[in-house]
């Protein structure tokens, strides 16, 4: 009954008000979409607006808050662009405590994080792990330190110790896309796990190694079995926060020698510290991986900083944030907003900063009902009206060319996508001879496969393509 009412409204609205043939065709195609049997128990929201005229072409459930999945990332990105600026860079500082005499440091090397999510990332030439490690070692040497008696310690006080936002689910947090943001992130806080499967479906799969080869305090047990050839990656790592032992479950295809899945590194800051210390002391990773306290307070006296590592600029960070939908980046940016414009570097403070910013842009109270910066939590609620407001705001800003470049292209359309269980969403821009459009399109609780629903949503948007 709900869809029947909407269809009648939509048909009447488009025929009596909107005159452009492409717009009429779009609404008729959308009507057919709403009749899809996969949407019998679903909630669908769509807002389509002409950017030049401000005219609303289609408005169905645009004030209904729905789980947005990763389309929420455009909210975090545009807020960061607005408040931090496209040239903002994180700064990781290297210092020491104690005394240096004849090249010998009687004290500790200190690494102070500022939340940089790119440190050690393979996506940037300046941030790759080997380059970062070598840059730190060269800086230490050039400062005149050739031997240390203490350890390499980390300062992670820039952010709160709340690593994982509320609402993230158990199946996600042990896997690479569920890596939470810390003040000192390393290699995007992830590792690769290699699995070896046999030739018979259903037989046990063995762990064949990891990358990095040595990972601080990580023990995994495999309960993975071999799946049919071509079945793909259906393996999941279950690793409790701040724990060292986890389980790997699910399936990977048969006849694989080093099938790779990626997980969340349990102690990324310590991983970096031990890596640096092992190189300074010319020992193996495990020889220096003790149980001593790794953390140091920023209030500790006598810290002398002598080197800084600058991250790529914000527009480069947002490029990969939106292109590859990296959840870690969203949570790091959210906490950074909380640190710089709120009370502290916590998720909750970051959320307040985001909500306050958009309230000042005219968004209703409680319209932006979010609890993280990436959209990974199924508890987030955003309206398509919110998303269109955000994208329309971005279009008017001086940094829009960078933001537009950050957006991925799906089905020939510049748009951000989102998907979690039972959720598919898109928001973006389309220009044709009839208009210059901004849209947001969310479906919650559909039936059937995600790929089939994706094709149906793309078919609706195809009508607007030039």
Protein backbone atom coordinates (compact mmCIF):
# COMPACT_ATOMS: atom_id res chain seq x y z
CA UNK A 1 0.00 0.00 0.00
CA UNK A 2 2.83 2.40 0.82
CA UNK A 3 4.37 2.05 -2.62
CA UNK A 4 0.98 2.33 -4.35
CA UNK A 5 0.38 5.69 -2.70
CA UNK A 6 3.86 6.90 -3.61
CA UNK A 7 3.47 5.82 -7.21
CA UNK A 8 0.21 7.70 -7.61
CA UNK A 9 1.75 10.81 -6.06
CA UNK A 10 4.86 10.54 -8.16
CA UNK A 11 2.98 10.06 -11.42
CA UNK A 12 0.65 12.97 -10.80
CA UNK A 13 3.51 15.17 -9.62
CA UNK A 14 5.74 14.51 -12.57
CA UNK A 15 3.00 14.82 -15.21
CA UNK A 16 1.40 17.99 -13.91
CA UNK A 17 4.52 19.88 -12.81
CA UNK A 18 7.62 18.77 -14.65
CA UNK A 19 7.83 19.35 -18.36
CA UNK A 20 11.26 18.11 -19.47
CA UNK A 21 10.94 14.75 -21.29
CA UNK A 22 14.01 13.30 -19.59
CA UNK A 23 12.61 14.19 -16.19
CA UNK A 24 9.24 12.66 -16.99
CA UNK A 25 10.98 9.55 -18.27
CA UNK A 26 13.07 9.42 -15.08
CA UNK A 27 9.99 9.49 -12.87
CA UNK A 28 8.25 6.82 -14.91
CA UNK A 29 11.33 4.60 -14.66
CA UNK A 30 11.45 5.21 -10.92
CA UNK A 31 7.78 4.17 -10.66
CA UNK A 32 8.64 0.84 -12.26
CA UNK A 33 11.55 0.46 -9.85
CA UNK A 34 9.22 0.92 -6.87
CA UNK A 35 7.12 -1.99 -8.13
CA UNK A 36 10.09 -4.37 -7.87
CA UNK A 37 9.19 -7.42 -5.76
CA UNK A 38 12.52 -7.06 -3.93
CA UNK A 39 11.19 -3.83 -2.41
CA UNK A 40 8.02 -5.29 -0.86
CA UNK A 41 9.40 -4.83 2.67
CA UNK A 42 11.91 -2.08 1.86
CA UNK A 43 12.05 1.64 2.45
CA UNK A 44 13.12 3.68 -0.56
CA UNK A 45 14.17 7.32 -0.51
CA UNK A 46 15.11 9.45 -3.50
CA UNK A 47 15.66 13.17 -3.91
CA UNK A 48 16.61 14.61 -7.30
CA UNK A 49 17.16 18.35 -7.67
CA UNK A 50 18.25 20.59 -10.53
CA UNK A 51 21.26 22.52 -9.22
CA UNK A 52 20.80 25.50 -11.53
CA UNK A 53 17.11 26.14 -10.91
CA UNK A 54 16.71 24.55 -7.49
CA UNK A 55 13.68 22.69 -8.85
CA UNK A 56 12.89 19.36 -7.20
CA UNK A 57 12.34 16.70 -9.83
CA UNK A 58 11.58 13.76 -7.55
CA UNK A 59 11.02 13.65 -3.81
CA UNK A 60 10.07 10.36 -2.19
CA UNK A 61 10.68 9.89 1.53
CA UNK A 62 13.39 12.55 1.48
CA UNK A 63 12.78 13.37 5.16
CA UNK A 64 12.97 9.75 6.32
CA UNK A 65 16.18 8.88 8.10
CA UNK A 66 17.75 5.72 6.70
CA UNK A 67 21.01 3.83 7.11
CA UNK A 68 23.26 5.50 4.49
CA UNK A 69 26.26 3.13 4.60
CA UNK A 70 29.30 4.73 2.96
CA UNK A 71 27.48 7.63 1.31
CA UNK A 72 27.87 9.12 4.80
CA UNK A 73 31.52 9.65 3.92
CA UNK A 74 30.61 12.69 1.83
CA UNK A 75 29.35 14.37 5.02
CA UNK A 76 32.65 13.76 6.80
CA UNK A 77 34.71 14.77 3.77
CA UNK A 78 32.87 18.04 3.10
CA UNK A 79 33.00 18.99 6.77
CA UNK A 80 36.74 18.33 6.82
CA UNK A 81 37.25 20.37 3.64
CA UNK A 82 35.27 23.24 5.16
CA UNK A 83 36.85 23.32 8.61
CA UNK A 84 40.37 21.93 8.10
CA UNK A 85 40.97 23.14 4.55
CA UNK A 86 42.11 21.14 1.53
CA UNK A 87 45.80 21.75 2.34
CA UNK A 88 45.61 20.47 5.92
CA UNK A 89 48.33 17.95 6.82
CA UNK A 90 48.87 15.72 9.83
CA UNK A 91 52.24 15.88 11.55
CA UNK A 92 53.93 12.94 13.24
CA UNK A 93 56.78 14.06 15.49
CA UNK A 94 59.99 12.22 16.40
CA UNK A 95 61.87 13.14 19.58
CA UNK A 96 63.89 11.71 22.44
CA UNK A 97 64.30 11.79 26.20
CA UNK A 98 67.56 11.57 28.13
CA UNK A 99 71.08 12.55 27.09
CA UNK A 100 73.17 12.08 23.97
CA UNK A 101 76.89 11.55 24.47
CA UNK A 102 79.27 10.41 21.73
CA UNK A 103 76.35 9.22 19.60
CA UNK A 104 74.81 7.18 22.43
CA UNK A 105 71.35 8.08 23.67
CA UNK A 106 70.79 7.17 27.29
CA UNK A 107 67.04 7.42 27.04
CA UNK A 108 64.18 6.69 24.64
CA UNK A 109 63.10 7.63 21.12
CA UNK A 110 59.57 9.07 21.09
CA UNK A 111 57.01 8.90 18.24
CA UNK A 112 54.10 11.29 18.77
CA UNK A 113 51.05 10.68 16.60
CA UNK A 114 48.52 13.26 15.49
CA UNK A 115 46.00 10.89 13.92
CA UNK A 116 47.53 10.59 10.44
CA UNK A 117 45.70 7.65 8.80
CA UNK A 118 48.17 7.51 5.90
CA UNK A 119 51.40 6.75 7.79
CA UNK A 120 52.87 3.62 6.23
CA UNK A 121 50.13 3.43 3.58
CA UNK A 122 51.03 1.93 0.20
CA UNK A 123 48.75 4.44 -1.57
CA UNK A 124 51.19 7.37 -1.41
CA UNK A 125 54.83 7.46 -2.43
CA UNK A 126 55.71 9.75 0.47
CA UNK A 127 53.94 7.59 3.07
CA UNK A 128 54.97 4.03 2.16
CA UNK A 129 56.18 1.99 5.11
CA UNK A 130 59.76 1.48 3.91
CA UNK A 131 60.16 5.19 3.19
CA UNK A 132 58.72 6.22 6.57
CA UNK A 133 60.98 3.77 8.42
CA UNK A 134 64.06 4.87 6.51
CA UNK A 135 63.21 8.55 6.97
CA UNK A 136 62.92 8.08 10.73
CA UNK A 137 66.18 6.12 10.91
CA UNK A 138 68.00 8.73 8.81
CA UNK A 139 66.63 11.56 10.94
CA UNK A 140 67.79 9.82 14.13
CA UNK A 141 71.24 9.24 12.64
CA UNK A 142 71.60 12.78 11.29
CA UNK A 143 70.68 14.14 14.70
CA UNK A 144 73.69 12.30 16.05
CA UNK A 145 72.04 9.28 17.66
CA UNK A 146 73.67 6.00 16.67
CA UNK A 147 72.88 3.89 19.71
CA UNK A 148 70.06 3.87 22.28
CA UNK A 149 69.92 2.29 25.72
CA UNK A 150 66.16 2.62 26.11
CA UNK A 151 63.25 1.88 23.82
CA UNK A 152 61.13 3.41 21.10
CA UNK A 153 57.98 4.68 22.80
CA UNK A 154 54.75 6.15 21.41
CA UNK A 155 52.52 9.04 22.41
CA UNK A 156 48.92 8.38 21.37
CA UNK A 157 47.32 11.05 23.54
CA UNK A 158 46.06 13.17 20.65
CA UNK A 159 42.98 10.95 20.38
CA UNK A 160 40.90 9.24 23.04
CA UNK A 161 41.49 5.54 23.62
CA UNK A 162 38.02 4.83 22.21
CA UNK A 163 39.31 3.10 19.08
CA UNK A 164 36.07 1.59 17.73
CA UNK A 165 32.91 3.72 17.43
CA UNK A 166 29.64 2.60 18.96
CA UNK A 167 27.51 0.48 16.68
CA UNK A 168 30.21 -1.37 14.77
CA UNK A 169 29.46 -5.07 14.57
CA UNK A 170 31.51 -8.04 15.70
CA UNK A 171 31.98 -9.42 12.17
CA UNK A 172 33.61 -6.17 11.01
CA UNK A 173 36.11 -5.12 13.66
CA UNK A 174 38.68 -7.89 13.09
CA UNK A 175 38.81 -7.27 9.36
CA UNK A 176 40.69 -4.54 7.51
CA UNK A 177 37.60 -2.43 6.83
CA UNK A 178 36.83 -2.43 10.56
CA UNK A 179 40.14 -0.88 11.63
CA UNK A 180 39.52 1.90 14.13
CA UNK A 181 41.39 5.20 14.24
CA UNK A 182 44.21 5.85 16.67
CA UNK A 183 46.46 8.82 17.24
CA UNK A 184 49.29 6.74 15.77
CA UNK A 185 48.13 4.62 12.86
CA UNK A 186 50.46 2.37 10.90
CA UNK A 187 49.96 0.63 7.52
CA UNK A 188 46.30 1.64 7.71
CA UNK A 189 46.26 -0.56 10.82
CA UNK A 190 45.98 -3.69 8.74
CA UNK A 191 47.88 -6.85 7.93
CA UNK A 192 47.53 -9.50 5.25
CA UNK A 193 46.86 -13.11 6.17
CA UNK A 194 47.84 -15.85 3.72
CA UNK A 195 45.79 -19.05 3.61
CA UNK A 196 46.53 -22.40 1.97
CA UNK A 197 43.61 -24.58 0.86
CA UNK A 198 43.51 -28.16 -0.36
CA UNK A 199 41.87 -29.64 -3.42
CA UNK A 200 38.70 -30.94 -1.74
CA UNK A 201 35.76 -28.74 -0.82
CA UNK A 202 35.13 -28.70 2.92
CA UNK A 203 38.66 -29.60 4.01
CA UNK A 204 40.52 -27.44 6.55
CA UNK A 205 42.47 -24.39 5.36
CA UNK A 206 45.87 -23.68 6.90
CA UNK A 207 47.48 -20.36 7.79
CA UNK A 208 50.49 -19.89 5.48
CA UNK A 209 51.91 -16.63 6.82
CA UNK A 210 51.31 -12.92 7.24
CA UNK A 211 52.52 -9.59 5.93
CA UNK A 212 54.31 -8.10 7.81
CA UNK A 213 56.00 -11.39 8.61
CA UNK A 214 56.14 -10.57 12.34
CA UNK A 215 53.10 -8.97 13.96
CA UNK A 216 53.23 -7.96 17.60
CA UNK A 217 51.16 -10.24 19.82
CA UNK A 218 48.94 -11.74 17.14
CA UNK A 219 47.83 -15.36 17.32
CA UNK A 220 45.22 -16.69 14.93
CA UNK A 221 43.48 -20.05 14.70
CA UNK A 222 42.02 -21.17 11.39
CA UNK A 223 38.55 -22.65 11.22
CA UNK A 224 38.35 -21.83 7.51
CA UNK A 225 37.32 -24.53 5.06
CA UNK A 226 37.85 -24.84 1.31
CA UNK A 227 34.99 -23.60 -0.85
CA UNK A 228 34.25 -24.31 -4.51
CA UNK A 229 36.61 -22.98 -7.17
CA UNK A 230 35.83 -19.37 -7.97
CA UNK A 231 33.81 -18.84 -4.78
CA UNK A 232 36.01 -15.91 -3.78
CA UNK A 233 36.87 -14.42 -0.41
CA UNK A 234 34.37 -15.48 2.25
CA UNK A 235 36.87 -15.50 5.10
CA UNK A 236 36.45 -13.37 8.20
CA UNK A 237 38.86 -12.63 11.02
CA UNK A 238 37.33 -12.41 14.50
CA UNK A 239 39.73 -10.59 16.79
CA UNK A 240 38.48 -8.89 19.98
CA UNK A 241 39.74 -5.37 20.65
CA UNK A 242 42.98 -5.23 22.66
CA UNK A 243 43.20 -9.03 22.63
CA UNK A 244 45.90 -11.10 20.96
CA UNK A 245 44.14 -14.32 19.96
CA UNK A 246 41.49 -14.54 17.28
CA UNK A 247 39.76 -16.98 14.98
CA UNK A 248 39.48 -17.05 11.21
CA UNK A 249 36.23 -18.48 9.86
CA UNK A 250 34.43 -18.89 6.56
CA UNK A 251 35.64 -20.24 3.23
CA UNK A 252 38.23 -19.56 0.52
CA UNK A 253 38.43 -21.34 -2.84
CA UNK A 254 40.15 -24.71 -3.26
CA UNK A 255 43.71 -25.07 -4.56
CA UNK A 256 45.09 -21.83 -3.19
CA UNK A 257 48.69 -21.61 -1.93
CA UNK A 258 48.64 -18.04 -0.60
CA UNK A 259 45.09 -16.74 -0.70
CA UNK A 260 45.14 -13.31 0.92
CA UNK A 261 42.60 -11.75 3.25
CA UNK A 262 43.27 -8.64 5.32
CA UNK A 263 42.71 -8.03 9.00
CA UNK A 264 43.02 -5.38 11.68
CA UNK A 265 46.43 -5.14 13.32
CA UNK A 266 45.93 -5.44 17.10
CA UNK A 267 48.70 -3.01 18.14
CA UNK A 268 49.70 -0.82 15.16
CA UNK A 269 51.59 1.82 17.15
CA UNK A 270 53.63 -0.84 18.95
CA UNK A 271 54.23 -2.55 15.62
CA UNK A 272 55.86 0.61 14.31
CA UNK A 273 57.81 1.21 17.53
CA UNK A 274 59.24 -2.31 17.58
CA UNK A 275 60.09 -2.14 13.88
CA UNK A 276 62.06 1.07 14.40
CA UNK A 277 63.76 -0.22 17.56
CA UNK A 278 64.80 -3.49 15.93
CA UNK A 279 66.46 -1.53 13.12
CA UNK A 280 68.18 0.88 15.53
CA UNK A 281 69.52 -1.96 17.67
CA UNK A 282 70.21 -4.24 14.70
CA UNK A 283 68.18 -7.03 16.26
CA UNK A 284 65.25 -9.11 15.07
CA UNK A 285 61.68 -7.96 15.61
CA UNK A 286 61.02 -10.64 18.21
CA UNK A 287 64.23 -9.91 20.10
CA UNK A 288 63.00 -6.44 21.01
CA UNK A 289 59.24 -7.18 21.21
CA UNK A 290 59.02 -7.24 24.99
CA UNK A 291 56.16 -6.49 27.33
CA UNK A 292 57.50 -3.16 28.58
CA UNK A 293 55.17 -0.11 28.58
CA UNK A 294 55.19 1.40 25.10
CA UNK A 295 53.29 4.57 25.88
CA UNK A 296 54.59 7.86 27.17
CA UNK A 297 52.58 10.80 28.45
CA UNK A 298 52.81 14.12 26.55
CA UNK A 299 53.27 15.77 29.93
CA UNK A 300 56.50 13.87 30.45
CA UNK A 301 59.33 16.32 30.95
CA UNK A 302 62.40 16.53 28.77
CA UNK A 303 60.99 15.42 25.41
CA UNK A 304 63.03 17.00 22.62
CA UNK A 305 61.44 16.83 19.17
CA UNK A 306 63.78 17.06 16.22
CA UNK A 307 61.90 15.69 13.18
CA UNK A 308 58.40 15.74 11.72
CA UNK A 309 56.66 13.60 9.10
CA UNK A 310 53.97 15.47 7.20
CA UNK A 311 51.05 13.57 5.74
CA UNK A 312 49.71 14.08 2.24
CA UNK A 313 47.33 17.04 2.00
CA UNK A 314 43.67 16.62 2.94
CA UNK A 315 42.50 16.62 -0.68
CA UNK A 316 44.76 13.63 -1.34
CA UNK A 317 43.51 11.89 1.80
CA UNK A 318 39.89 12.49 0.79
CA UNK A 319 40.62 11.15 -2.69
CA UNK A 320 41.38 7.68 -1.34
CA UNK A 321 38.80 8.07 1.42
CA UNK A 322 36.04 8.38 -1.17
CA UNK A 323 37.55 6.37 -4.03
CA UNK A 324 38.21 3.24 -1.95
CA UNK A 325 35.77 3.99 0.87
CA UNK A 326 38.40 3.57 3.60
CA UNK A 327 36.58 3.54 6.93
CA UNK A 328 39.75 4.25 8.91
CA UNK A 329 40.13 7.59 7.13
CA UNK A 330 36.61 8.62 8.06
CA UNK A 331 37.12 7.84 11.73
CA UNK A 332 40.49 9.61 11.80
CA UNK A 333 39.00 12.71 10.17
CA UNK A 334 36.07 12.69 12.59
CA UNK A 335 38.34 12.53 15.63
CA UNK A 336 40.56 15.22 14.10
CA UNK A 337 37.53 17.50 13.82
CA UNK A 338 36.76 16.79 17.46
CA UNK A 339 40.34 17.58 18.48
CA UNK A 340 40.59 20.85 16.54
CA UNK A 341 37.05 22.20 16.87
CA UNK A 342 35.57 20.34 19.83
CA UNK A 343 36.71 19.38 23.29
CA UNK A 344 38.90 16.39 22.45
CA UNK A 345 39.90 13.88 19.82
CA UNK A 346 37.03 11.47 20.35
CA UNK A 347 34.35 10.09 18.08
CA UNK A 348 31.56 11.69 20.10
CA UNK A 349 33.18 15.14 19.94
CA UNK A 350 33.74 14.75 16.22
CA UNK A 351 30.08 13.88 15.73
CA UNK A 352 29.07 17.04 17.62
CA UNK A 353 31.35 19.17 15.45
CA UNK A 354 29.84 17.70 12.27
CA UNK A 355 26.28 18.12 13.50
CA UNK A 356 26.89 21.69 14.67
CA UNK A 357 28.51 22.61 11.36
CA UNK A 358 25.55 21.40 9.30
CA UNK A 359 23.06 22.93 11.69
CA UNK A 360 24.70 26.28 10.87
CA UNK A 361 24.14 25.49 7.19
CA UNK A 362 20.40 25.16 7.83
CA UNK A 363 20.07 21.43 8.47
CA UNK A 364 17.38 20.47 10.99
CA UNK A 365 18.26 19.26 14.48
CA UNK A 366 18.47 15.45 14.62
CA UNK A 367 18.28 15.17 10.83
CA UNK A 368 21.90 14.03 10.85
CA UNK A 369 21.67 11.19 13.35
CA UNK A 370 25.16 9.70 13.07
CA UNK A 371 27.52 7.88 15.41
CA UNK A 372 30.64 7.45 13.27
CA UNK A 373 32.50 9.11 10.41
CA UNK A 374 32.45 6.34 7.82
CA UNK A 375 28.90 4.98 7.76
CA UNK A 376 29.99 1.49 8.80
CA UNK A 377 27.58 1.39 11.73
CA UNK A 378 24.08 0.17 10.77
CA UNK A 379 22.74 2.56 13.41
CA UNK A 380 23.54 5.73 11.43
CA UNK A 381 20.53 7.57 10.03
CA UNK A 382 20.64 10.21 7.29
CA UNK A 383 17.96 11.52 4.96
CA UNK A 384 18.37 11.93 1.23
CA UNK A 385 17.52 15.58 1.85
CA UNK A 386 20.61 15.78 4.08
CA UNK A 387 22.84 14.24 1.43
CA UNK A 388 21.55 16.53 -1.31
CA UNK A 389 22.08 19.55 0.97
CA UNK A 390 25.66 18.44 1.61
CA UNK A 391 26.42 17.86 -2.07
CA UNK A 392 24.76 21.15 -3.08
CA UNK A 393 26.80 23.00 -0.46
CA UNK A 394 30.00 21.42 -1.76
CA UNK A 395 29.18 22.55 -5.32
CA UNK A 396 29.30 26.19 -4.17
CA UNK A 397 32.70 26.01 -2.44
CA UNK A 398 36.12 26.97 -3.79
CA UNK A 399 37.42 23.48 -3.01
CA UNK A 400 34.69 21.77 -5.04
CA UNK A 401 36.99 20.80 -7.96
CA UNK A 402 39.09 18.74 -5.53
CA UNK A 403 36.00 17.18 -3.94
CA UNK A 404 34.51 16.38 -7.35
CA UNK A 405 37.77 14.72 -8.38
CA UNK A 406 37.63 12.66 -5.17
CA UNK A 407 34.27 11.13 -6.08
CA UNK A 408 34.43 7.70 -7.74
CA UNK A 409 32.77 6.91 -11.05
CA UNK A 410 30.20 4.13 -10.99
CA UNK A 411 28.17 3.21 -14.04
CA UNK A 412 29.52 6.32 -15.78
CA UNK A 413 28.26 8.63 -13.01
CA UNK A 414 30.29 10.70 -10.52
CA UNK A 415 28.85 9.42 -7.25
CA UNK A 416 29.67 7.92 -3.89
CA UNK A 417 28.23 4.51 -3.19
CA UNK A 418 27.39 2.76 0.05
CA UNK A 419 26.56 -0.81 0.97
CA UNK A 420 26.12 -2.79 4.15
CA UNK A 421 23.79 -5.70 4.82
CA UNK A 422 20.39 -4.83 3.30
CA UNK A 423 21.49 -1.29 2.38
CA UNK A 424 22.46 0.27 -0.95
CA UNK A 425 22.91 3.99 -1.47
CA UNK A 426 24.26 6.54 -3.95
CA UNK A 427 24.73 10.30 -4.00
CA UNK A 428 26.33 12.34 -6.74
CA UNK A 429 26.02 14.59 -9.77
CA UNK A 430 24.68 14.13 -13.31
CA UNK A 431 24.62 16.74 -16.06
CA UNK A 432 22.72 16.43 -19.33
CA UNK A 433 21.05 18.74 -21.86
CA UNK A 434 18.00 19.12 -19.61
CA UNK A 435 19.71 20.07 -16.38
CA UNK A 436 22.55 19.89 -13.90
CA UNK A 437 21.37 17.46 -11.24
CA UNK A 438 22.31 16.41 -7.72
CA UNK A 439 20.73 13.33 -6.22
CA UNK A 440 20.65 10.95 -3.29
CA UNK A 441 19.15 7.48 -3.56
CA UNK A 442 18.89 5.04 -0.60
CA UNK A 443 17.27 1.62 -0.29
CA UNK A 444 17.03 -0.13 3.08
CA UNK A 445 15.89 -3.71 3.76
CA UNK A 446 15.60 -4.97 0.19
CA UNK A 447 15.35 -8.68 -0.65
CA UNK A 448 17.63 -10.58 -2.97
CA UNK A 449 21.21 -10.03 -4.03
CA UNK A 450 23.04 -6.76 -3.77
CA UNK A 451 24.26 -6.98 -7.36
CA UNK A 452 20.70 -7.34 -8.70
CA UNK A 453 19.45 -4.37 -6.66
CA UNK A 454 22.46 -2.32 -7.75
CA UNK A 455 21.60 -2.91 -11.41
CA UNK A 456 18.00 -1.84 -10.79
CA UNK A 457 19.12 1.39 -9.11
CA UNK A 458 21.60 2.10 -11.89
CA UNK A 459 18.85 1.58 -14.48
CA UNK A 460 16.88 4.41 -12.84
CA UNK A 461 19.87 6.75 -12.86
CA UNK A 462 20.75 5.77 -16.44
CA UNK A 463 17.79 7.82 -17.68
CA UNK A 464 19.59 11.02 -16.65
CA UNK A 465 22.91 10.20 -18.26
CA UNK A 466 23.76 12.35 -21.30
